[in-house]
């Protein structure tokens, strides 16, 4: 058929999986632009190049041509009770001329090998196409929601906001001032990434010359650690009914509800703003409880956020904290990583000093599940009983799902908002 490759000629092509050298990072950007139908400005290309030079880079090559890529940031991801090394996949692309040849599977297999080599029991990503990554064992590790606030009137509140002063912060000085606030809040929820000053500068506070500048506002007296902060930008949005000024919230952190109320009330009070929009908030955001008028504050979307993969199940399970005692046999399926597959007894007691154990066993399973579902419930965001109800997990022992849910429970839902 016209347009299809000749099988004989395909067989003669050599497709190698190997490291992409730093000298070829521009090829990764070109390939990503091709795969995602984008075109970067000169400034954006420089930002991509700087970021790619410090990542792990796996390429699929046809002779000297780069036809596939998988890039991995070296993150530390918060999990209940601590944090773990995590490979954050990015720039995942295969040239449209080389699809359905198994290149992505081969690159991901090489990524698993590198995770083991680097001691990374977890991997995460933001998926452009959800259906692709489930087959590689990625589950919906965190969920998020988008919130929209009508800013044409003051924000109605059910609590008194923190009365401390608000002040604009120079974005160049923001990492040093806001870093401790972010670190403290990050430790309260699973699914959050560590940051250095370079990440603050090139990702969180990055300005675009074609848009309005980034604004940073902190809550608290000068000389003290802020009780919270917000990073935002205002843009004019044109529509059938005319234009509107929309304030886009990129990040809002607060150590308690009054501090959060002060920041949200400030955003809504800014002159000439029609709407405040936050595309990524946790499902249990206190705003949704202390808002005095839920017609003014609306959840406009709920979605799967950060996808998570347990590359080393034993390390992942024994490293996190547990909310209740548990002693269950899990029958885990993992077609890609055989070391994770089999029956294992999971035991944990939050009151004991021994921590959790995860050992191979021949005992009958209490729960049977794929590693993808284990990743979905790992951070405490999705109860395992919901996956049983959906037919994705088999409960062989009545009550097993509820017992595991009690052990996995966290005070706050996991949350991720950095679409790196």
Protein backbone atom coordinates (compact mmCIF):
# COMPACT_ATOMS: atom_id res chain seq x y z
CA UNK A 1 0.00 0.00 0.00
CA UNK A 2 1.29 3.47 -0.86
CA UNK A 3 2.95 5.25 2.06
CA UNK A 4 3.68 2.10 4.10
CA UNK A 5 7.32 1.08 4.58
CA UNK A 6 8.56 -1.98 2.77
CA UNK A 7 9.06 -4.73 5.44
CA UNK A 8 12.29 -5.86 3.84
CA UNK A 9 13.77 -2.37 3.86
CA UNK A 10 12.67 -1.83 7.49
CA UNK A 11 14.44 -5.01 8.52
CA UNK A 12 17.69 -3.72 7.01
CA UNK A 13 17.59 -0.50 9.06
CA UNK A 14 19.70 -0.48 12.23
CA UNK A 15 17.97 1.23 15.15
CA UNK A 16 20.23 1.67 18.17
CA UNK A 17 19.40 2.80 21.69
CA UNK A 18 22.22 4.84 23.20
CA UNK A 19 23.14 7.92 25.21
CA UNK A 20 22.49 11.29 23.57
CA UNK A 21 25.61 13.43 24.05
CA UNK A 22 25.36 17.00 25.34
CA UNK A 23 26.50 18.23 21.92
CA UNK A 24 23.22 16.94 20.45
CA UNK A 25 20.65 18.42 22.84
CA UNK A 26 19.35 20.65 20.02
CA UNK A 27 18.32 17.47 18.23
CA UNK A 28 16.10 16.54 21.20
CA UNK A 29 14.36 19.93 20.97
CA UNK A 30 13.90 19.50 17.21
CA UNK A 31 12.44 16.04 17.68
CA UNK A 32 10.05 17.23 20.42
CA UNK A 33 8.91 20.12 18.21
CA UNK A 34 8.26 17.66 15.39
CA UNK A 35 6.34 15.20 17.58
CA UNK A 36 4.25 17.83 19.42
CA UNK A 37 3.78 20.24 16.49
CA UNK A 38 5.55 23.14 18.19
CA UNK A 39 8.04 25.83 17.27
CA UNK A 40 10.28 27.35 19.94
CA UNK A 41 11.61 30.86 20.10
CA UNK A 42 15.34 31.47 20.50
CA UNK A 43 14.86 32.08 24.23
CA UNK A 44 12.84 28.91 24.65
CA UNK A 45 15.46 26.86 22.82
CA UNK A 46 18.15 28.18 25.16
CA UNK A 47 16.02 27.23 28.16
CA UNK A 48 15.54 23.74 26.75
CA UNK A 49 19.25 23.35 26.04
CA UNK A 50 20.24 24.42 29.55
CA UNK A 51 17.78 22.00 31.12
CA UNK A 52 18.67 19.08 28.86
CA UNK A 53 22.39 19.29 29.58
CA UNK A 54 21.84 18.24 33.21
CA UNK A 55 19.39 15.38 32.51
CA UNK A 56 19.81 11.75 31.63
CA UNK A 57 19.30 11.41 27.86
CA UNK A 58 18.37 8.22 26.00
CA UNK A 59 18.14 8.26 22.22
CA UNK A 60 16.93 5.97 19.46
CA UNK A 61 19.17 6.37 16.42
CA UNK A 62 18.83 5.29 12.82
CA UNK A 63 22.48 5.47 11.88
CA UNK A 64 23.29 9.04 12.98
CA UNK A 65 19.71 10.40 12.88
CA UNK A 66 17.92 10.85 16.22
CA UNK A 67 14.44 9.34 15.80
CA UNK A 68 13.42 8.86 19.44
CA UNK A 69 14.24 10.31 22.85
CA UNK A 70 13.51 9.87 26.54
CA UNK A 71 14.94 12.39 29.00
CA UNK A 72 15.01 11.99 32.79
CA UNK A 73 15.33 14.71 35.43
CA UNK A 74 16.85 13.58 38.70
CA UNK A 75 14.22 14.59 41.22
CA UNK A 76 13.44 13.77 44.81
CA UNK A 77 9.72 13.17 45.22
CA UNK A 78 7.87 13.48 48.53
CA UNK A 79 6.18 10.29 49.71
CA UNK A 80 4.29 9.79 52.98
CA UNK A 81 6.86 10.20 55.73
CA UNK A 82 9.79 11.29 53.57
CA UNK A 83 11.10 11.51 50.04
CA UNK A 84 12.68 9.19 47.46
CA UNK A 85 14.86 9.58 44.34
CA UNK A 86 12.66 9.74 41.25
CA UNK A 87 13.32 9.81 37.51
CA UNK A 88 11.11 12.52 36.05
CA UNK A 89 10.58 11.64 32.39
CA UNK A 90 10.38 14.48 29.88
CA UNK A 91 10.80 15.20 26.15
CA UNK A 92 9.51 11.70 25.36
CA UNK A 93 9.12 11.55 21.59
CA UNK A 94 9.36 9.26 18.57
CA UNK A 95 9.58 10.61 15.04
CA UNK A 96 6.29 10.09 13.15
CA UNK A 97 8.21 8.14 10.51
CA UNK A 98 9.37 5.59 13.11
CA UNK A 99 6.26 4.83 15.14
CA UNK A 100 5.10 1.28 15.92
CA UNK A 101 8.60 -0.18 15.76
CA UNK A 102 8.96 -0.72 19.49
CA UNK A 103 11.33 2.21 19.98
CA UNK A 104 9.51 3.66 22.98
CA UNK A 105 9.44 0.26 24.71
CA UNK A 106 13.18 -0.16 24.14
CA UNK A 107 13.98 3.32 25.44
CA UNK A 108 11.78 2.83 28.51
CA UNK A 109 13.50 -0.51 29.20
CA UNK A 110 16.84 1.30 29.11
CA UNK A 111 15.39 3.90 31.48
CA UNK A 112 14.43 1.17 33.98
CA UNK A 113 18.00 -0.13 33.82
CA UNK A 114 19.33 3.33 34.60
CA UNK A 115 16.87 3.79 37.47
CA UNK A 116 18.26 0.64 39.07
CA UNK A 117 21.82 1.86 38.48
CA UNK A 118 21.08 5.28 40.03
CA UNK A 119 18.99 3.99 42.93
CA UNK A 120 15.73 5.57 41.75
CA UNK A 121 12.79 3.42 42.96
CA UNK A 122 10.23 5.81 41.45
CA UNK A 123 9.59 7.42 38.08
CA UNK A 124 7.06 10.12 37.26
CA UNK A 125 5.81 12.05 34.25
CA UNK A 126 3.09 14.32 32.91
CA UNK A 127 1.35 12.46 30.11
CA UNK A 128 0.36 14.07 26.84
CA UNK A 129 -1.52 10.86 25.97
CA UNK A 130 -2.73 8.93 28.99
CA UNK A 131 -3.31 5.66 27.13
CA UNK A 132 0.38 5.32 26.26
CA UNK A 133 1.86 5.23 29.73
CA UNK A 134 -0.53 2.90 31.52
CA UNK A 135 1.00 0.01 29.63
CA UNK A 136 4.38 0.96 31.08
CA UNK A 137 3.02 0.73 34.62
CA UNK A 138 2.32 4.42 35.29
CA UNK A 139 -0.72 5.05 37.48
CA UNK A 140 -2.51 8.26 38.42
CA UNK A 141 -0.31 9.07 41.40
CA UNK A 142 -1.95 12.44 42.03
CA UNK A 143 -5.18 14.12 40.99
CA UNK A 144 -5.72 17.84 40.52
CA UNK A 145 -8.44 20.36 39.88
CA UNK A 146 -8.75 23.75 38.21
CA UNK A 147 -10.43 26.58 40.12
CA UNK A 148 -12.02 29.76 38.78
CA UNK A 149 -13.00 32.76 40.92
CA UNK A 150 -15.27 35.64 39.87
CA UNK A 151 -13.14 38.69 40.71
CA UNK A 152 -15.76 41.31 39.92
CA UNK A 153 -16.63 41.45 43.62
CA UNK A 154 -14.68 40.85 46.87
CA UNK A 155 -14.01 37.25 47.80
CA UNK A 156 -16.63 35.99 50.25
CA UNK A 157 -14.91 34.18 53.15
CA UNK A 158 -16.13 32.12 56.08
CA UNK A 159 -12.94 32.70 58.10
CA UNK A 160 -10.89 35.77 58.98
CA UNK A 161 -7.81 36.14 56.76
CA UNK A 162 -4.32 36.50 58.23
CA UNK A 163 -3.92 40.25 58.96
CA UNK A 164 -0.20 40.46 58.30
CA UNK A 165 0.99 42.70 55.47
CA UNK A 166 1.40 41.60 51.86
CA UNK A 167 4.38 42.75 49.83
CA UNK A 168 5.64 42.44 46.30
CA UNK A 169 8.86 40.46 45.98
CA UNK A 170 11.51 40.92 43.32
CA UNK A 171 11.48 37.60 41.38
CA UNK A 172 15.31 37.66 41.40
CA UNK A 173 15.24 37.51 45.20
CA UNK A 174 12.29 35.17 45.49
CA UNK A 175 14.11 31.79 45.61
CA UNK A 176 15.99 32.68 48.79
CA UNK A 177 12.89 34.09 50.49
CA UNK A 178 10.30 31.57 49.32
CA UNK A 179 12.44 28.44 49.28
CA UNK A 180 11.93 27.62 52.99
CA UNK A 181 8.16 28.12 52.66
CA UNK A 182 7.98 25.79 49.68
CA UNK A 183 10.16 23.19 51.41
CA UNK A 184 7.92 23.17 54.49
CA UNK A 185 4.71 22.87 52.47
CA UNK A 186 6.25 20.30 50.16
CA UNK A 187 6.90 18.00 53.09
CA UNK A 188 3.22 17.94 54.05
CA UNK A 189 1.99 16.22 50.86
CA UNK A 190 3.15 13.38 48.66
CA UNK A 191 3.88 13.94 44.98
CA UNK A 192 5.94 17.14 45.26
CA UNK A 193 9.34 17.77 43.69
CA UNK A 194 12.49 19.21 45.22
CA UNK A 195 13.93 22.44 43.83
CA UNK A 196 17.25 24.21 43.64
CA UNK A 197 17.74 27.88 42.83
CA UNK A 198 18.23 27.11 39.14
CA UNK A 199 14.83 25.36 39.00
CA UNK A 200 13.19 28.33 40.70
CA UNK A 201 14.76 30.67 38.18
CA UNK A 202 14.25 28.69 34.97
CA UNK A 203 10.91 26.98 35.66
CA UNK A 204 8.90 28.56 38.49
CA UNK A 205 9.76 32.22 37.93
CA UNK A 206 10.50 32.15 34.22
CA UNK A 207 9.32 35.26 32.40
CA UNK A 208 8.22 35.28 28.77
CA UNK A 209 9.02 38.44 26.81
CA UNK A 210 5.72 38.10 24.92
CA UNK A 211 3.57 38.05 28.07
CA UNK A 212 2.94 40.19 31.13
CA UNK A 213 5.63 39.82 33.80
CA UNK A 214 5.52 37.30 36.62
CA UNK A 215 4.42 38.78 39.95
CA UNK A 216 5.36 37.41 43.36
CA UNK A 217 3.62 38.45 46.58
CA UNK A 218 4.57 37.25 50.08
CA UNK A 219 2.56 37.39 53.30
CA UNK A 220 4.38 38.57 56.42
CA UNK A 221 6.62 41.23 57.92
CA UNK A 222 9.99 41.97 56.38
CA UNK A 223 12.73 39.95 57.99
CA UNK A 224 10.51 36.98 58.84
CA UNK A 225 9.82 33.79 56.94
CA UNK A 226 6.60 34.41 54.99
CA UNK A 227 3.44 32.64 56.10
CA UNK A 228 2.68 32.12 52.41
CA UNK A 229 3.20 33.45 48.91
CA UNK A 230 1.64 33.49 45.46
CA UNK A 231 3.18 33.54 41.96
CA UNK A 232 0.90 34.86 39.22
CA UNK A 233 0.55 36.72 35.92
CA UNK A 234 -2.27 38.79 34.40
CA UNK A 235 -3.24 38.33 30.77
CA UNK A 236 -5.88 39.78 28.50
CA UNK A 237 -8.15 37.10 27.06
CA UNK A 238 -10.34 37.93 24.07
CA UNK A 239 -13.66 36.20 23.53
CA UNK A 240 -16.99 36.58 21.71
CA UNK A 241 -18.26 38.93 24.43
CA UNK A 242 -15.12 41.07 24.39
CA UNK A 243 -11.85 40.96 26.30
CA UNK A 244 -11.31 40.15 29.98
CA UNK A 245 -8.35 40.47 32.31
CA UNK A 246 -7.59 37.03 33.74
CA UNK A 247 -5.16 36.50 36.61
CA UNK A 248 -3.39 33.16 36.22
CA UNK A 249 -2.18 31.63 39.51
CA UNK A 250 0.89 29.47 38.97
CA UNK A 251 1.62 28.67 42.59
CA UNK A 252 0.07 29.53 45.96
CA UNK A 253 1.53 28.15 49.17
CA UNK A 254 0.27 28.90 52.68
CA UNK A 255 1.07 27.36 56.03
CA UNK A 256 -2.53 27.55 57.28
CA UNK A 257 -6.04 28.46 56.17
CA UNK A 258 -5.96 32.12 57.34
CA UNK A 259 -2.77 32.71 55.34
CA UNK A 260 -4.34 31.10 52.28
CA UNK A 261 -7.48 33.21 52.73
CA UNK A 262 -5.37 36.40 52.82
CA UNK A 263 -3.62 35.50 49.56
CA UNK A 264 -6.79 34.50 47.69
CA UNK A 265 -8.60 37.63 48.92
CA UNK A 266 -5.69 39.76 47.72
CA UNK A 267 -5.78 38.26 44.23
CA UNK A 268 -9.52 38.87 43.88
CA UNK A 269 -9.15 42.45 45.15
CA UNK A 270 -6.68 43.57 42.47
CA UNK A 271 -8.18 46.33 40.31
CA UNK A 272 -9.26 45.63 36.73
CA UNK A 273 -9.29 41.84 37.17
CA UNK A 274 -12.34 39.95 35.93
CA UNK A 275 -11.38 36.42 36.82
CA UNK A 276 -8.79 34.53 38.89
CA UNK A 277 -7.87 31.11 37.50
CA UNK A 278 -5.67 28.43 39.07
CA UNK A 279 -5.19 25.50 36.71
CA UNK A 280 -3.67 23.17 39.32
CA UNK A 281 -4.88 22.87 42.91
CA UNK A 282 -5.21 19.90 45.28
CA UNK A 283 -8.61 18.26 45.50
CA UNK A 284 -8.73 19.08 49.22
CA UNK A 285 -7.70 22.71 48.82
CA UNK A 286 -8.93 24.61 51.95
CA UNK A 287 -10.20 27.36 49.62
CA UNK A 288 -13.05 25.08 48.60
CA UNK A 289 -14.19 24.91 52.24
CA UNK A 290 -13.62 28.45 53.53
CA UNK A 291 -15.03 30.19 50.41
CA UNK A 292 -18.28 31.84 51.44
CA UNK A 293 -19.94 31.50 48.02
CA UNK A 294 -19.26 28.40 45.93
CA UNK A 295 -20.93 30.07 42.95
CA UNK A 296 -18.10 32.59 43.08
CA UNK A 297 -15.42 29.91 43.56
CA UNK A 298 -15.95 27.05 41.12
CA UNK A 299 -14.07 23.86 40.32
CA UNK A 300 -14.04 23.84 36.53
CA UNK A 301 -12.09 20.64 35.93
CA UNK A 302 -10.76 17.57 37.72
CA UNK A 303 -8.01 15.54 36.08
CA UNK A 304 -5.19 13.00 36.52
CA UNK A 305 -2.04 14.97 37.28
CA UNK A 306 1.38 13.43 37.94
CA UNK A 307 1.70 9.83 36.74
CA UNK A 308 3.76 7.59 38.99
CA UNK A 309 5.64 4.34 38.39
CA UNK A 310 7.02 2.06 41.11
CA UNK A 311 10.26 0.91 39.51
CA UNK A 312 11.38 -0.88 42.68
CA UNK A 313 8.23 -1.89 44.56
CA UNK A 314 10.01 -3.23 47.64
CA UNK A 315 12.02 -0.06 48.20
CA UNK A 316 9.02 2.17 47.52
CA UNK A 317 6.73 0.38 49.98
CA UNK A 318 9.24 -0.04 52.78
CA UNK A 319 10.43 3.60 52.57
CA UNK A 320 7.05 5.28 53.08
CA UNK A 321 5.23 5.71 56.39
CA UNK A 322 2.00 3.89 57.27
CA UNK A 323 -1.07 5.16 59.09
CA UNK A 324 -2.26 1.81 60.50
CA UNK A 325 -0.95 -1.72 60.97
CA UNK A 326 -1.17 -3.93 57.92
CA UNK A 327 -0.35 -7.57 57.17
CA UNK A 328 -1.47 -8.63 53.70
CA UNK A 329 -0.28 -10.80 50.81
CA UNK A 330 -0.20 -8.95 47.49
CA UNK A 331 -0.10 -10.72 44.14
CA UNK A 332 1.59 -8.11 41.94
CA UNK A 333 1.73 -8.21 38.14
CA UNK A 334 4.56 -6.38 36.37
CA UNK A 335 5.26 -7.56 32.85
CA UNK A 336 8.07 -5.06 32.29
CA UNK A 337 10.06 -5.57 35.50
CA UNK A 338 9.99 -9.23 36.61
CA UNK A 339 11.67 -8.46 39.97
CA UNK A 340 8.44 -6.73 41.03
CA UNK A 341 6.18 -9.60 39.95
CA UNK A 342 4.95 -12.28 42.30
CA UNK A 343 3.39 -12.74 45.72
CA UNK A 344 4.73 -10.68 48.60
CA UNK A 345 3.73 -10.26 52.21
CA UNK A 346 3.49 -6.60 53.18
CA UNK A 347 3.68 -5.91 56.90
CA UNK A 348 3.88 -2.54 58.61
CA UNK A 349 3.18 -1.18 62.08
CA UNK A 350 3.37 2.60 62.55
CA UNK A 351 3.89 2.14 66.30
CA UNK A 352 6.87 -0.19 65.95
CA UNK A 353 10.54 0.50 65.25
CA UNK A 354 11.03 -2.22 62.62
CA UNK A 355 9.24 -0.33 59.85
CA UNK A 356 7.63 -2.09 56.91
CA UNK A 357 8.70 -5.38 55.37
CA UNK A 358 7.95 -6.78 51.94
CA UNK A 359 9.01 -10.39 51.43
CA UNK A 360 8.31 -13.07 48.83
CA UNK A 361 5.81 -15.73 49.90
CA UNK A 362 3.86 -18.72 48.60
CA UNK A 363 0.83 -17.85 50.72
CA UNK A 364 -2.56 -17.24 49.13
CA UNK A 365 -3.02 -13.59 48.09
CA UNK A 366 -5.38 -11.20 49.83
CA UNK A 367 -5.27 -8.75 46.90
CA UNK A 368 -4.20 -9.20 43.27
CA UNK A 369 -3.29 -6.13 41.27
CA UNK A 370 -1.11 -4.70 38.54
CA UNK A 371 1.85 -2.49 39.44
CA UNK A 372 -0.04 0.36 37.77
CA UNK A 373 -2.81 0.17 40.39
CA UNK A 374 -0.23 -0.08 43.16
CA UNK A 375 1.26 3.19 41.90
CA UNK A 376 -2.18 4.80 41.78
CA UNK A 377 -2.82 4.16 45.48
CA UNK A 378 0.81 4.49 46.71
CA UNK A 379 0.69 8.18 47.73
CA UNK A 380 -2.71 7.88 49.38
CA UNK A 381 -4.72 9.78 46.78
CA UNK A 382 -6.92 6.95 45.48
CA UNK A 383 -8.40 4.32 47.84
CA UNK A 384 -7.69 0.76 46.77
CA UNK A 385 -11.36 -0.11 47.41
CA UNK A 386 -12.34 2.14 44.49
CA UNK A 387 -10.04 0.14 42.24
CA UNK A 388 -11.68 -3.06 43.51
CA UNK A 389 -15.08 -1.59 42.66
CA UNK A 390 -13.77 -0.68 39.18
CA UNK A 391 -12.68 -4.28 38.55
CA UNK A 392 -8.99 -3.36 38.44
CA UNK A 393 -8.01 -5.06 41.70
CA UNK A 394 -9.18 -8.49 42.87
CA UNK A 395 -9.99 -8.78 46.57
CA UNK A 396 -9.62 -12.43 47.55
CA UNK A 397 -9.96 -11.81 51.29
CA UNK A 398 -12.99 -9.75 52.34
CA UNK A 399 -11.95 -6.50 54.00
CA UNK A 400 -8.40 -6.60 52.63
CA UNK A 401 -8.89 -3.45 50.57
CA UNK A 402 -10.21 -1.51 53.58
CA UNK A 403 -7.25 -2.63 55.69
CA UNK A 404 -4.77 -1.52 53.05
CA UNK A 405 -6.62 1.79 52.63
CA UNK A 406 -6.37 2.44 56.37
CA UNK A 407 -2.61 1.85 56.24
CA UNK A 408 -2.09 4.01 53.13
CA UNK A 409 -4.18 6.93 54.42
CA UNK A 410 -2.59 10.39 54.58
CA UNK A 411 -3.87 13.53 56.31
CA UNK A 412 -3.57 15.55 53.09
CA UNK A 413 -4.09 14.32 49.55
CA UNK A 414 -1.03 14.13 47.29
CA UNK A 415 -0.59 17.08 45.00
CA UNK A 416 1.54 17.98 42.00
CA UNK A 417 1.33 21.13 39.91
CA UNK A 418 4.70 21.55 38.21
CA UNK A 419 4.08 20.43 34.64
CA UNK A 420 7.80 20.32 33.91
